Amino acid sequence: LDYKKALFKEQADENSKQWYNIIVAKKDWESSPKADAIKKIIAAYHTDEVKKVIEETSDGLDQPVW
């Protein structure tokens, strides 16, 4: 499947949220000893570098939505 040649491309919007990949943690994670590590993971994931890797490795099939 070549995403660039598709006849129709669905954009990420309110109706496509059910297919978003999300980072999750247990309830009350912010008071956990691992809270700083979790925040660093989230911050690292939400970078332009990761966005570029997602776009390049999925040939445009996956779209960063943060």
C-alpha atoms as a PDB file:
ATOM      1  CA  LEU A   1       0.000   0.000   0.000  1.00  0.00           C
ATOM      2  CA  ASP A   2       1.501   3.296  -1.069  1.00  0.00           C
ATOM      3  CA  TYR A   3      -0.068   5.999   1.076  1.00  0.00           C
ATOM      4  CA  LYS A   4       1.097   8.708  -1.300  1.00  0.00           C
ATOM      5  CA  LYS A   5      -0.975   7.185  -4.134  1.00  0.00           C
ATOM      6  CA  ALA A   6      -4.162   6.626  -2.128  1.00  0.00           C
ATOM      7  CA  LEU A   7      -7.384   7.938  -3.622  1.00  0.00           C
ATOM      8  CA  PHE A   8      -8.541   9.153  -0.209  1.00  0.00           C
ATOM      9  CA  LYS A   9      -6.607  10.066   2.940  1.00  0.00           C
ATOM     10  CA  GLU A  10      -8.480  10.389   6.205  1.00  0.00           C
ATOM     11  CA  GLN A  11      -7.115  13.187   8.364  1.00  0.00           C
ATOM     12  CA  ALA A  12      -6.704  12.851  12.119  1.00  0.00           C
ATOM     13  CA  ASP A  13      -9.669  14.540  13.771  1.00  0.00           C
ATOM     14  CA  GLU A  14     -12.315  14.063  16.461  1.00  0.00           C
ATOM     15  CA  ASN A  15     -13.721  10.995  14.670  1.00  0.00           C
ATOM     16  CA  SER A  16     -10.384   9.187  14.478  1.00  0.00           C
ATOM     17  CA  LYS A  17      -9.406   9.511  18.156  1.00  0.00           C
ATOM     18  CA  GLN A  18     -10.321   5.875  18.777  1.00  0.00           C
ATOM     19  CA  TRP A  19      -7.251   4.855  16.738  1.00  0.00           C
ATOM     20  CA  TYR A  20      -4.733   7.164  18.435  1.00  0.00           C
ATOM     21  CA  ASN A  21      -1.846   5.527  20.276  1.00  0.00           C
ATOM     22  CA  ILE A  22      -1.525   7.012  23.741  1.00  0.00           C
ATOM     23  CA  ILE A  23       0.894   6.821  26.649  1.00  0.00           C
ATOM     24  CA  VAL A  24      -0.830   5.647  29.811  1.00  0.00           C
ATOM     25  CA  ALA A  25       0.141   5.238  33.448  1.00  0.00           C
ATOM     26  CA  LYS A  26      -1.516   4.077  36.623  1.00  0.00           C
ATOM     27  CA  LYS A  27      -3.796   6.369  38.586  1.00  0.00           C
ATOM     28  CA  ASP A  28      -1.865   8.720  40.895  1.00  0.00           C
ATOM     29  CA  TRP A  29       1.319   8.241  38.866  1.00  0.00           C
ATOM     30  CA  GLU A  30       2.346  11.834  39.541  1.00  0.00           C
ATOM     31  CA  SER A  31       3.012  10.997  43.192  1.00  0.00           C
ATOM     32  CA  SER A  32       4.982   7.877  42.242  1.00  0.00           C
ATOM     33  CA  PRO A  33       8.770   7.681  42.618  1.00  0.00           C
ATOM     34  CA  LYS A  34       8.788   7.100  38.847  1.00  0.00           C
ATOM     35  CA  ALA A  35       6.919  10.329  38.033  1.00  0.00           C
ATOM     36  CA  ASP A  36      10.030  12.160  36.822  1.00  0.00           C
ATOM     37  CA  ALA A  37      10.953   9.270  34.524  1.00  0.00           C
ATOM     38  CA  ILE A  38       7.421   9.132  33.099  1.00  0.00           C
ATOM     39  CA  LYS A  39       7.465  12.886  32.437  1.00  0.00           C
ATOM     40  CA  LYS A  40      10.813  12.530  30.642  1.00  0.00           C
ATOM     41  CA  ILE A  41       9.442   9.719  28.459  1.00  0.00           C
ATOM     42  CA  ILE A  42       6.410  11.814  27.510  1.00  0.00           C
ATOM     43  CA  ALA A  43       8.568  14.869  26.764  1.00  0.00           C
ATOM     44  CA  ALA A  44      10.990  12.806  24.668  1.00  0.00           C
ATOM     45  CA  TYR A  45       8.156  11.200  22.707  1.00  0.00           C
ATOM     46  CA  HIS A  46       6.566  14.549  21.848  1.00  0.00           C
ATOM     47  CA  THR A  47       9.551  15.893  19.920  1.00  0.00           C
ATOM     48  CA  ASP A  48      10.048  16.749  16.268  1.00  0.00           C
ATOM     49  CA  GLU A  49      12.731  14.038  16.099  1.00  0.00           C
ATOM     50  CA  VAL A  50      10.249  11.319  17.070  1.00  0.00           C
ATOM     51  CA  LYS A  51       7.661  12.802  14.713  1.00  0.00           C
ATOM     52  CA  LYS A  52      10.174  12.522  11.870  1.00  0.00           C
ATOM     53  CA  VAL A  53      10.981   8.889  12.728  1.00  0.00           C
ATOM     54  CA  ILE A  54       7.268   7.993  12.826  1.00  0.00           C
ATOM     55  CA  GLU A  55       6.657   9.613   9.455  1.00  0.00           C
ATOM     56  CA  GLU A  56       9.741   8.043   7.841  1.00  0.00           C
ATOM     57  CA  THR A  57       9.283   4.518   9.178  1.00  0.00           C
ATOM     58  CA  SER A  58       5.568   4.301   8.432  1.00  0.00           C
ATOM     59  CA  ASP A  59       5.781   5.806   4.935  1.00  0.00           C
ATOM     60  CA  GLY A  60       3.095   8.300   5.952  1.00  0.00           C
ATOM     61  CA  LEU A  61       0.614   5.709   7.223  1.00  0.00           C
ATOM     62  CA  ASP A  62       0.979   6.839  10.843  1.00  0.00           C
ATOM     63  CA  GLN A  63       0.431  10.479  11.765  1.00  0.00           C
ATOM     64  CA  PRO A  64       1.753  12.064  14.957  1.00  0.00           C
ATOM     65  CA  VAL A  65      -1.208  13.818  16.592  1.00  0.00           C
ATOM     66  CA  TRP A  66       0.278  15.652  19.555  1.00  0.00           C
END
